[in-house]
Amino acid sequence: QVQLVESGGGLVQAGGSLRLSCAASGRTFSNYAMGWFRQ
């Protein structure tokens, strides 16, 4: 029921930094615990 959209990925050198964002739809965002996974 909630829609999620990630952004912020890209190419970075080893030792660098990056910040990812995940924007959620709806008005019940705080009801959900949120996680990040990778593959």
PDB file of all heavy atoms in Angstrom:
ATOM      1  N   GLN A   1       0.811  -1.198   0.000  1.00  0.00           N
ATOM      2  CA  GLN A   1       0.000   0.000   0.000  1.00  0.00           C
ATOM      3  C   GLN A   1       0.858   1.267   0.000  1.00  0.00           C
ATOM      4  O   GLN A   1       0.403   2.328  -0.426  1.00  0.00           O
ATOM      5  CB  GLN A   1      -0.926  -0.009   1.196  1.00  0.00           C
ATOM      6  CG  GLN A   1      -2.066   0.977   1.099  1.00  0.00           C
ATOM      7  CD  GLN A   1      -3.198   0.626   2.044  1.00  0.00           C
ATOM      8  OE1 GLN A   1      -3.103  -0.313   2.834  1.00  0.00           O
ATOM      9  NE2 GLN A   1      -4.273   1.379   1.949  1.00  0.00           N
ATOM     10  N   VAL A   2       2.085   1.163   0.501  1.00  0.00           N
ATOM     11  CA  VAL A   2       3.021   2.276   0.481  1.00  0.00           C
ATOM     12  C   VAL A   2       3.942   2.102  -0.721  1.00  0.00           C
ATOM     13  O   VAL A   2       4.384   1.000  -1.040  1.00  0.00           O
ATOM     14  CB  VAL A   2       3.827   2.361   1.792  1.00  0.00           C
ATOM     15  CG1 VAL A   2       4.639   1.097   2.022  1.00  0.00           C
ATOM     16  CG2 VAL A   2       4.720   3.594   1.801  1.00  0.00           C
ATOM     17  N   GLN A   3       4.220   3.192  -1.413  1.00  0.00           N
ATOM     18  CA  GLN A   3       5.124   3.180  -2.546  1.00  0.00           C
ATOM     19  C   GLN A   3       6.459   3.799  -2.145  1.00  0.00           C
ATOM     20  O   GLN A   3       6.487   4.825  -1.462  1.00  0.00           O
ATOM     21  CB  GLN A   3       4.533   3.941  -3.730  1.00  0.00           C
ATOM     22  CG  GLN A   3       3.262   3.327  -4.278  1.00  0.00           C
ATOM     23  CD  GLN A   3       2.734   4.066  -5.485  1.00  0.00           C
ATOM     24  OE1 GLN A   3       3.345   4.042  -6.558  1.00  0.00           O
ATOM     25  NE2 GLN A   3       1.611   4.726  -5.312  1.00  0.00           N
ATOM     26  N   LEU A   4       7.547   3.178  -2.583  1.00  0.00           N
ATOM     27  CA  LEU A   4       8.886   3.587  -2.194  1.00  0.00           C
ATOM     28  C   LEU A   4       9.719   3.873  -3.432  1.00  0.00           C
ATOM     29  O   LEU A   4       9.692   3.104  -4.397  1.00  0.00           O
ATOM     30  CB  LEU A   4       9.564   2.485  -1.372  1.00  0.00           C
ATOM     31  CG  LEU A   4       8.797   1.975  -0.154  1.00  0.00           C
ATOM     32  CD1 LEU A   4       9.500   0.766   0.449  1.00  0.00           C
ATOM     33  CD2 LEU A   4       8.665   3.079   0.887  1.00  0.00           C
ATOM     34  N   VAL A   5      10.475   4.960  -3.399  1.00  0.00           N
ATOM     35  CA  VAL A   5      11.325   5.346  -4.512  1.00  0.00           C
ATOM     36  C   VAL A   5      12.702   5.710  -3.981  1.00  0.00           C
ATOM     37  O   VAL A   5      12.842   6.687  -3.241  1.00  0.00           O
ATOM     38  CB  VAL A   5      10.741   6.529  -5.301  1.00  0.00           C
ATOM     39  CG1 VAL A   5      11.665   6.903  -6.447  1.00  0.00           C
ATOM     40  CG2 VAL A   5       9.358   6.184  -5.832  1.00  0.00           C
ATOM     41  N   GLU A   6      13.713   4.935  -4.385  1.00  0.00           N
ATOM     42  CA  GLU A   6      15.082   5.206  -3.974  1.00  0.00           C
ATOM     43  C   GLU A   6      15.754   6.180  -4.934  1.00  0.00           C
ATOM     44  O   GLU A   6      15.411   6.239  -6.118  1.00  0.00           O
ATOM     45  CB  GLU A   6      15.921   3.914  -3.923  1.00  0.00           C
ATOM     46  CG  GLU A   6      15.405   2.854  -2.972  1.00  0.00           C
ATOM     47  CD  GLU A   6      14.574   1.806  -3.664  1.00  0.00           C
ATOM     48  OE1 GLU A   6      13.956   2.120  -4.706  1.00  0.00           O
ATOM     49  OE2 GLU A   6      14.541   0.660  -3.173  1.00  0.00           O
ATOM     50  N   SER A   7      16.735   6.897  -4.416  1.00  0.00           N
ATOM     51  CA  SER A   7      17.548   7.779  -5.236  1.00  0.00           C
ATOM     52  C   SER A   7      18.899   7.966  -4.558  1.00  0.00           C
ATOM     53  O   SER A   7      19.075   7.610  -3.398  1.00  0.00           O
ATOM     54  CB  SER A   7      16.863   9.129  -5.458  1.00  0.00           C
ATOM     55  OG  SER A   7      16.681   9.814  -4.230  1.00  0.00           O
ATOM     56  N   GLY A   8      19.843   8.534  -5.287  1.00  0.00           N
ATOM     57  CA  GLY A   8      21.140   8.861  -4.726  1.00  0.00           C
ATOM     58  C   GLY A   8      22.265   7.924  -5.091  1.00  0.00           C
ATOM     59  O   GLY A   8      23.418   8.180  -4.727  1.00  0.00           O
ATOM     60  N   GLY A   9      21.969   6.841  -5.786  1.00  0.00           N
ATOM     61  CA  GLY A   9      23.016   5.932  -6.192  1.00  0.00           C
ATOM     62  C   GLY A   9      23.898   6.540  -7.263  1.00  0.00           C
ATOM     63  O   GLY A   9      23.567   7.558  -7.869  1.00  0.00           O
ATOM     64  N   GLY A  10      25.038   5.908  -7.488  1.00  0.00           N
ATOM     65  CA  GLY A  10      25.967   6.391  -8.486  1.00  0.00           C
ATOM     66  C   GLY A  10      27.314   5.728  -8.364  1.00  0.00           C
ATOM     67  O   GLY A  10      27.464   4.699  -7.704  1.00  0.00           O
ATOM     68  N   LEU A  11      28.297   6.331  -9.011  1.00  0.00           N
ATOM     69  CA  LEU A  11      29.666   5.830  -9.018  1.00  0.00           C
ATOM     70  C   LEU A  11      30.512   6.652  -8.067  1.00  0.00           C
ATOM     71  O   LEU A  11      30.488   7.886  -8.110  1.00  0.00           O
ATOM     72  CB  LEU A  11      30.241   5.896 -10.433  1.00  0.00           C
ATOM     73  CG  LEU A  11      31.705   5.503 -10.613  1.00  0.00           C
ATOM     74  CD1 LEU A  11      31.906   4.031 -10.281  1.00  0.00           C
ATOM     75  CD2 LEU A  11      32.155   5.810 -12.032  1.00  0.00           C
ATOM     76  N   VAL A  12      31.266   5.973  -7.222  1.00  0.00           N
ATOM     77  CA  VAL A  12      32.125   6.647  -6.257  1.00  0.00           C
ATOM     78  C   VAL A  12      33.407   5.834  -6.091  1.00  0.00           C
ATOM     79  O   VAL A  12      33.405   4.615  -6.243  1.00  0.00           O
ATOM     80  CB  VAL A  12      31.400   6.823  -4.902  1.00  0.00           C
ATOM     81  CG1 VAL A  12      31.095   5.473  -4.268  1.00  0.00           C
ATOM     82  CG2 VAL A  12      32.200   7.698  -3.953  1.00  0.00           C
ATOM     83  N   GLN A  13      34.504   6.521  -5.801  1.00  0.00           N
ATOM     84  CA  GLN A  13      35.768   5.847  -5.560  1.00  0.00           C
ATOM     85  C   GLN A  13      35.810   5.225  -4.175  1.00  0.00           C
ATOM     86  O   GLN A  13      35.133   5.682  -3.246  1.00  0.00           O
ATOM     87  CB  GLN A  13      36.939   6.820  -5.708  1.00  0.00           C
ATOM     88  CG  GLN A  13      37.235   7.246  -7.130  1.00  0.00           C
ATOM     89  CD  GLN A  13      38.504   8.065  -7.231  1.00  0.00           C
ATOM     90  OE1 GLN A  13      38.815   8.857  -6.352  1.00  0.00           O
ATOM     91  NE2 GLN A  13      39.247   7.858  -8.307  1.00  0.00           N
ATOM     92  N   ALA A  14      36.597   4.172  -4.032  1.00  0.00           N
ATOM     93  CA  ALA A  14      36.791   3.555  -2.730  1.00  0.00           C
ATOM     94  C   ALA A  14      37.250   4.596  -1.715  1.00  0.00           C
ATOM     95  O   ALA A  14      38.100   5.432  -2.013  1.00  0.00           O
ATOM     96  CB  ALA A  14      37.804   2.418  -2.827  1.00  0.00           C
ATOM     97  N   GLY A  15      36.671   4.528  -0.528  1.00  0.00           N
ATOM     98  CA  GLY A  15      36.958   5.500   0.513  1.00  0.00           C
ATOM     99  C   GLY A  15      36.031   6.692   0.510  1.00  0.00           C
ATOM    100  O   GLY A  15      36.035   7.479   1.469  1.00  0.00           O
ATOM    101  N   GLY A  16      35.235   6.826  -0.522  1.00  0.00           N
ATOM    102  CA  GLY A  16      34.317   7.942  -0.628  1.00  0.00           C
ATOM    103  C   GLY A  16      33.012   7.707   0.098  1.00  0.00           C
ATOM    104  O   GLY A  16      32.821   6.686   0.764  1.00  0.00           O
ATOM    105  N   SER A  17      32.102   8.664  -0.061  1.00  0.00           N
ATOM    106  CA  SER A  17      30.823   8.625   0.626  1.00  0.00           C
ATOM    107  C   SER A  17      29.680   8.846  -0.347  1.00  0.00           C
ATOM    108  O   SER A  17      29.846   9.455  -1.406  1.00  0.00           O
ATOM    109  CB  SER A  17      30.762   9.697   1.722  1.00  0.00           C
ATOM    110  OG  SER A  17      31.739   9.481   2.716  1.00  0.00           O
ATOM    111  N   LEU A  18      28.525   8.368   0.050  1.00  0.00           N
ATOM    112  CA  LEU A  18      27.325   8.513  -0.747  1.00  0.00           C
ATOM    113  C   LEU A  18      26.134   8.459   0.194  1.00  0.00           C
ATOM    114  O   LEU A  18      26.169   7.725   1.191  1.00  0.00           O
ATOM    115  CB  LEU A  18      27.243   7.392  -1.782  1.00  0.00           C
ATOM    116  CG  LEU A  18      26.465   7.607  -3.085  1.00  0.00           C
ATOM    117  CD1 LEU A  18      27.056   8.754  -3.884  1.00  0.00           C
ATOM    118  CD2 LEU A  18      26.496   6.324  -3.907  1.00  0.00           C
ATOM    119  N   ARG A  19      25.088   9.209  -0.108  1.00  0.00           N
ATOM    120  CA  ARG A  19      23.871   9.153   0.690  1.00  0.00           C
ATOM    121  C   ARG A  19      22.701   8.757  -0.189  1.00  0.00           C
ATOM    122  O   ARG A  19      22.401   9.423  -1.184  1.00  0.00           O
ATOM    123  CB  ARG A  19      23.565  10.485   1.374  1.00  0.00           C
ATOM    124  CG  ARG A  19      22.406  10.368   2.367  1.00  0.00           C
ATOM    125  CD  ARG A  19      22.147  11.635   3.146  1.00  0.00           C
ATOM    126  NE  ARG A  19      21.407  12.626   2.364  1.00  0.00           N
ATOM    127  CZ  ARG A  19      20.676  13.602   2.899  1.00  0.00           C
ATOM    128  NH1 ARG A  19      20.594  13.723   4.226  1.00  0.00           N
ATOM    129  NH2 ARG A  19      20.064  14.464   2.118  1.00  0.00           N
ATOM    130  N   LEU A  20      22.040   7.691   0.203  1.00  0.00           N
ATOM    131  CA  LEU A  20      20.852   7.221  -0.480  1.00  0.00           C
ATOM    132  C   LEU A  20      19.605   7.737   0.224  1.00  0.00           C
ATOM    133  O   LEU A  20      19.588   7.893   1.446  1.00  0.00           O
ATOM    134  CB  LEU A  20      20.805   5.695  -0.522  1.00  0.00           C
ATOM    135  CG  LEU A  20      22.029   4.976  -1.097  1.00  0.00           C
ATOM    136  CD1 LEU A  20      21.776   3.471  -1.126  1.00  0.00           C
ATOM    137  CD2 LEU A  20      22.366   5.501  -2.479  1.00  0.00           C
ATOM    138  N   SER A  21      18.569   7.988  -0.555  1.00  0.00           N
ATOM    139  CA  SER A  21      17.291   8.407  -0.015  1.00  0.00           C
ATOM    140  C   SER A  21      16.198   7.474  -0.497  1.00  0.00           C
ATOM    141  O   SER A  21      16.274   6.929  -1.596  1.00  0.00           O
ATOM    142  CB  SER A  21      16.953   9.838  -0.449  1.00  0.00           C
ATOM    143  OG  SER A  21      17.913  10.759   0.019  1.00  0.00           O
ATOM    144  N   CYS A  22      15.195   7.292   0.323  1.00  0.00           N
ATOM    145  CA  CYS A  22      14.023   6.514  -0.046  1.00  0.00           C
ATOM    146  C   CYS A  22      12.801   7.303   0.362  1.00  0.00           C
ATOM    147  O   CYS A  22      12.557   7.503   1.559  1.00  0.00           O
ATOM    148  CB  CYS A  22      14.042   5.143   0.634  1.00  0.00           C
ATOM    149  SG  CYS A  22      12.576   4.142   0.321  1.00  0.00           S
ATOM    150  N   ALA A  23      12.052   7.763  -0.622  1.00  0.00           N
ATOM    151  CA  ALA A  23      10.855   8.549  -0.379  1.00  0.00           C
ATOM    152  C   ALA A  23       9.629   7.654  -0.422  1.00  0.00           C
ATOM    153  O   ALA A  23       9.465   6.853  -1.344  1.00  0.00           O
ATOM    154  CB  ALA A  23      10.736   9.659  -1.413  1.00  0.00           C
ATOM    155  N   ALA A  24       8.763   7.798   0.566  1.00  0.00           N
ATOM    156  CA  ALA A  24       7.578   6.971   0.685  1.00  0.00           C
ATOM    157  C   ALA A  24       6.322   7.793   0.471  1.00  0.00           C
ATOM    158  O   ALA A  24       6.261   8.967   0.842  1.00  0.00           O
ATOM    159  CB  ALA A  24       7.522   6.297   2.055  1.00  0.00           C
ATOM    160  N   SER A  25       5.332   7.164  -0.111  1.00  0.00           N
ATOM    161  CA  SER A  25       4.035   7.797  -0.295  1.00  0.00           C
ATOM    162  C   SER A  25       3.162   7.561   0.925  1.00  0.00           C
ATOM    163  O   SER A  25       3.496   6.779   1.820  1.00  0.00           O
ATOM    164  CB  SER A  25       3.351   7.249  -1.545  1.00  0.00           C
ATOM    165  OG  SER A  25       3.035   5.872  -1.383  1.00  0.00           O
ATOM    166  N   GLY A  26       2.035   8.237   0.957  1.00  0.00           N
ATOM    167  CA  GLY A  26       1.064   8.013   2.005  1.00  0.00           C
ATOM    168  C   GLY A  26       1.300   8.838   3.256  1.00  0.00           C
ATOM    169  O   GLY A  26       2.286   9.569   3.374  1.00  0.00           O
ATOM    170  N   ARG A  27       0.393   8.656   4.201  1.00  0.00           N
ATOM    171  CA  ARG A  27       0.447   9.402   5.452  1.00  0.00           C
ATOM    172  C   ARG A  27       0.706   8.521   6.661  1.00  0.00           C
ATOM    173  O   ARG A  27       0.555   8.973   7.797  1.00  0.00           O
ATOM    174  CB  ARG A  27      -0.865  10.176   5.646  1.00  0.00           C
ATOM    175  CG  ARG A  27      -1.116  11.257   4.608  1.00  0.00           C
ATOM    176  CD  ARG A  27      -2.422  11.973   4.860  1.00  0.00           C
ATOM    177  NE  ARG A  27      -3.571  11.105   4.605  1.00  0.00           N
ATOM    178  CZ  ARG A  27      -4.839  11.458   4.801  1.00  0.00           C
ATOM    179  NH1 ARG A  27      -5.121  12.665   5.255  1.00  0.00           N
ATOM    180  NH2 ARG A  27      -5.816  10.608   4.541  1.00  0.00           N
ATOM    181  N   THR A  28       1.106   7.281   6.429  1.00  0.00           N
ATOM    182  CA  THR A  28       1.355   6.330   7.504  1.00  0.00           C
ATOM    183  C   THR A  28       2.811   5.908   7.577  1.00  0.00           C
ATOM    184  O   THR A  28       3.121   4.838   8.094  1.00  0.00           O
ATOM    185  CB  THR A  28       0.463   5.086   7.347  1.00  0.00           C
ATOM    186  OG1 THR A  28       0.736   4.448   6.095  1.00  0.00           O
ATOM    187  CG2 THR A  28      -1.007   5.463   7.411  1.00  0.00           C
ATOM    188  N   PHE A  29       3.714   6.730   7.091  1.00  0.00           N
ATOM    189  CA  PHE A  29       5.128   6.384   7.024  1.00  0.00           C
ATOM    190  C   PHE A  29       5.690   6.003   8.388  1.00  0.00           C
ATOM    191  O   PHE A  29       6.435   5.035   8.521  1.00  0.00           O
ATOM    192  CB  PHE A  29       5.916   7.544   6.421  1.00  0.00           C
ATOM    193  CG  PHE A  29       7.402   7.317   6.362  1.00  0.00           C
ATOM    194  CD1 PHE A  29       7.936   6.371   5.513  1.00  0.00           C
ATOM    195  CD2 PHE A  29       8.258   8.059   7.159  1.00  0.00           C
ATOM    196  CE1 PHE A  29       9.301   6.158   5.449  1.00  0.00           C
ATOM    197  CE2 PHE A  29       9.625   7.860   7.099  1.00  0.00           C
ATOM    198  CZ  PHE A  29      10.141   6.911   6.249  1.00  0.00           C
ATOM    199  N   SER A  30       5.342   6.762   9.414  1.00  0.00           N
ATOM    200  CA  SER A  30       5.898   6.518  10.738  1.00  0.00           C
ATOM    201  C   SER A  30       5.430   5.204  11.349  1.00  0.00           C
ATOM    202  O   SER A  30       6.000   4.746  12.338  1.00  0.00           O
ATOM    203  CB  SER A  30       5.571   7.677  11.686  1.00  0.00           C
ATOM    204  OG  SER A  30       4.171   7.801  11.870  1.00  0.00           O
ATOM    205  N   ASN A  31       4.397   4.591  10.792  1.00  0.00           N
ATOM    206  CA  ASN A  31       3.929   3.296  11.272  1.00  0.00           C
ATOM    207  C   ASN A  31       4.852   2.150  10.865  1.00  0.00           C
ATOM    208  O   ASN A  31       4.761   1.057  11.424  1.00  0.00           O
ATOM    209  CB  ASN A  31       2.523   3.001  10.747  1.00  0.00           C
ATOM    210  CG  ASN A  31       1.474   3.926  11.332  1.00  0.00           C
ATOM    211  OD1 ASN A  31       1.704   4.597  12.331  1.00  0.00           O
ATOM    212  ND2 ASN A  31       0.316   3.958  10.700  1.00  0.00           N
ATOM    213  N   TYR A  32       5.714   2.385   9.883  1.00  0.00           N
ATOM    214  CA  TYR A  32       6.579   1.352   9.356  1.00  0.00           C
ATOM    215  C   TYR A  32       7.999   1.486   9.876  1.00  0.00           C
ATOM    216  O   TYR A  32       8.581   2.577   9.858  1.00  0.00           O
ATOM    217  CB  TYR A  32       6.630   1.412   7.827  1.00  0.00           C
ATOM    218  CG  TYR A  32       5.337   1.065   7.131  1.00  0.00           C
ATOM    219  CD1 TYR A  32       4.454   2.065   6.742  1.00  0.00           C
ATOM    220  CD2 TYR A  32       5.017  -0.252   6.845  1.00  0.00           C
ATOM    221  CE1 TYR A  32       3.275   1.747   6.099  1.00  0.00           C
ATOM    222  CE2 TYR A  32       3.842  -0.575   6.195  1.00  0.00           C
ATOM    223  CZ  TYR A  32       2.973   0.437   5.824  1.00  0.00           C
ATOM    224  OH  TYR A  32       1.803   0.120   5.173  1.00  0.00           O
ATOM    225  N   ALA A  33       8.556   0.374  10.328  1.00  0.00           N
ATOM    226  CA  ALA A  33      10.002   0.289  10.395  1.00  0.00           C
ATOM    227  C   ALA A  33      10.522   0.225   8.958  1.00  0.00           C
ATOM    228  O   ALA A  33       9.844  -0.299   8.072  1.00  0.00           O
ATOM    229  CB  ALA A  33      10.441  -0.942  11.180  1.00  0.00           C
ATOM    230  N   MET A  34      11.699   0.774   8.728  1.00  0.00           N
ATOM    231  CA  MET A  34      12.257   0.822   7.385  1.00  0.00           C
ATOM    232  C   MET A  34      13.618   0.158   7.349  1.00  0.00           C
ATOM    233  O   MET A  34      14.409   0.287   8.287  1.00  0.00           O
ATOM    234  CB  MET A  34      12.381   2.274   6.909  1.00  0.00           C
ATOM    235  CG  MET A  34      11.057   3.018   6.797  1.00  0.00           C
ATOM    236  SD  MET A  34       9.990   2.347   5.483  1.00  0.00           S
ATOM    237  CE  MET A  34      10.990   2.688   4.034  1.00  0.00           C
ATOM    238  N   GLY A  35      13.874  -0.529   6.260  1.00  0.00           N
ATOM    239  CA  GLY A  35      15.144  -1.209   6.110  1.00  0.00           C
ATOM    240  C   GLY A  35      15.784  -0.954   4.763  1.00  0.00           C
ATOM    241  O   GLY A  35      15.119  -0.566   3.797  1.00  0.00           O
ATOM    242  N   TRP A  36      17.089  -1.154   4.725  1.00  0.00           N
ATOM    243  CA  TRP A  36      17.853  -1.140   3.483  1.00  0.00           C
ATOM    244  C   TRP A  36      18.453  -2.523   3.267  1.00  0.00           C
ATOM    245  O   TRP A  36      19.002  -3.132   4.196  1.00  0.00           O
ATOM    246  CB  TRP A  36      18.977  -0.105   3.523  1.00  0.00           C
ATOM    247  CG  TRP A  36      18.532   1.312   3.378  1.00  0.00           C
ATOM    248  CD1 TRP A  36      18.308   2.213   4.370  1.00  0.00           C
ATOM    249  CD2 TRP A  36      18.274   2.005   2.146  1.00  0.00           C
ATOM    250  NE1 TRP A  36      17.924   3.420   3.857  1.00  0.00           N
ATOM    251  CE2 TRP A  36      17.897   3.324   2.478  1.00  0.00           C
ATOM    252  CE3 TRP A  36      18.331   1.645   0.803  1.00  0.00           C
ATOM    253  CZ2 TRP A  36      17.575   4.279   1.518  1.00  0.00           C
ATOM    254  CZ3 TRP A  36      18.005   2.590  -0.155  1.00  0.00           C
ATOM    255  CH2 TRP A  36      17.636   3.883   0.209  1.00  0.00           C
ATOM    256  N   PHE A  37      18.356  -3.004   2.042  1.00  0.00           N
ATOM    257  CA  PHE A  37      18.963  -4.250   1.618  1.00  0.00           C
ATOM    258  C   PHE A  37      19.777  -3.982   0.364  1.00  0.00           C
ATOM    259  O   PHE A  37      19.586  -2.970  -0.310  1.00  0.00           O
ATOM    260  CB  PHE A  37      17.902  -5.315   1.325  1.00  0.00           C
ATOM    261  CG  PHE A  37      17.114  -5.762   2.526  1.00  0.00           C
ATOM    262  CD1 PHE A  37      16.114  -4.963   3.065  1.00  0.00           C
ATOM    263  CD2 PHE A  37      17.365  -6.992   3.118  1.00  0.00           C
ATOM    264  CE1 PHE A  37      15.387  -5.367   4.163  1.00  0.00           C
ATOM    265  CE2 PHE A  37      16.640  -7.414   4.220  1.00  0.00           C
ATOM    266  CZ  PHE A  37      15.654  -6.601   4.742  1.00  0.00           C
ATOM    267  N   ARG A  38      20.674  -4.893   0.045  1.00  0.00           N
ATOM    268  CA  ARG A  38      21.436  -4.759  -1.184  1.00  0.00           C
ATOM    269  C   ARG A  38      21.647  -6.127  -1.816  1.00  0.00           C
ATOM    270  O   ARG A  38      21.627  -7.151  -1.142  1.00  0.00           O
ATOM    271  CB  ARG A  38      22.787  -4.082  -0.937  1.00  0.00           C
ATOM    272  CG  ARG A  38      23.762  -4.896  -0.092  1.00  0.00           C
ATOM    273  CD  ARG A  38      24.991  -4.065   0.240  1.00  0.00           C
ATOM    274  NE  ARG A  38      25.983  -4.829   0.978  1.00  0.00           N
ATOM    275  CZ  ARG A  38      27.096  -4.311   1.486  1.00  0.00           C
ATOM    276  NH1 ARG A  38      27.368  -3.022   1.325  1.00  0.00           N
ATOM    277  NH2 ARG A  38      27.950  -5.091   2.146  1.00  0.00           N
ATOM    278  N   GLN A  39      21.852  -6.113  -3.117  1.00  0.00           N
ATOM    279  CA  GLN A  39      22.090  -7.348  -3.840  1.00  0.00           C
ATOM    280  C   GLN A  39      23.140  -7.107  -4.916  1.00  0.00           C
ATOM    281  O   GLN A  39      22.952  -6.274  -5.802  1.00  0.00           O
ATOM    282  CB  GLN A  39      20.803  -7.882  -4.465  1.00  0.00           C
ATOM    283  CG  GLN A  39      20.948  -9.271  -5.061  1.00  0.00           C
ATOM    284  CD  GLN A  39      19.610  -9.932  -5.327  1.00  0.00           C
ATOM    285  OE1 GLN A  39      18.597  -9.264  -5.506  1.00  0.00           O
ATOM    286  NE2 GLN A  39      19.601 -11.251  -5.339  1.00  0.00           N
TER     287      GLN A  39
END
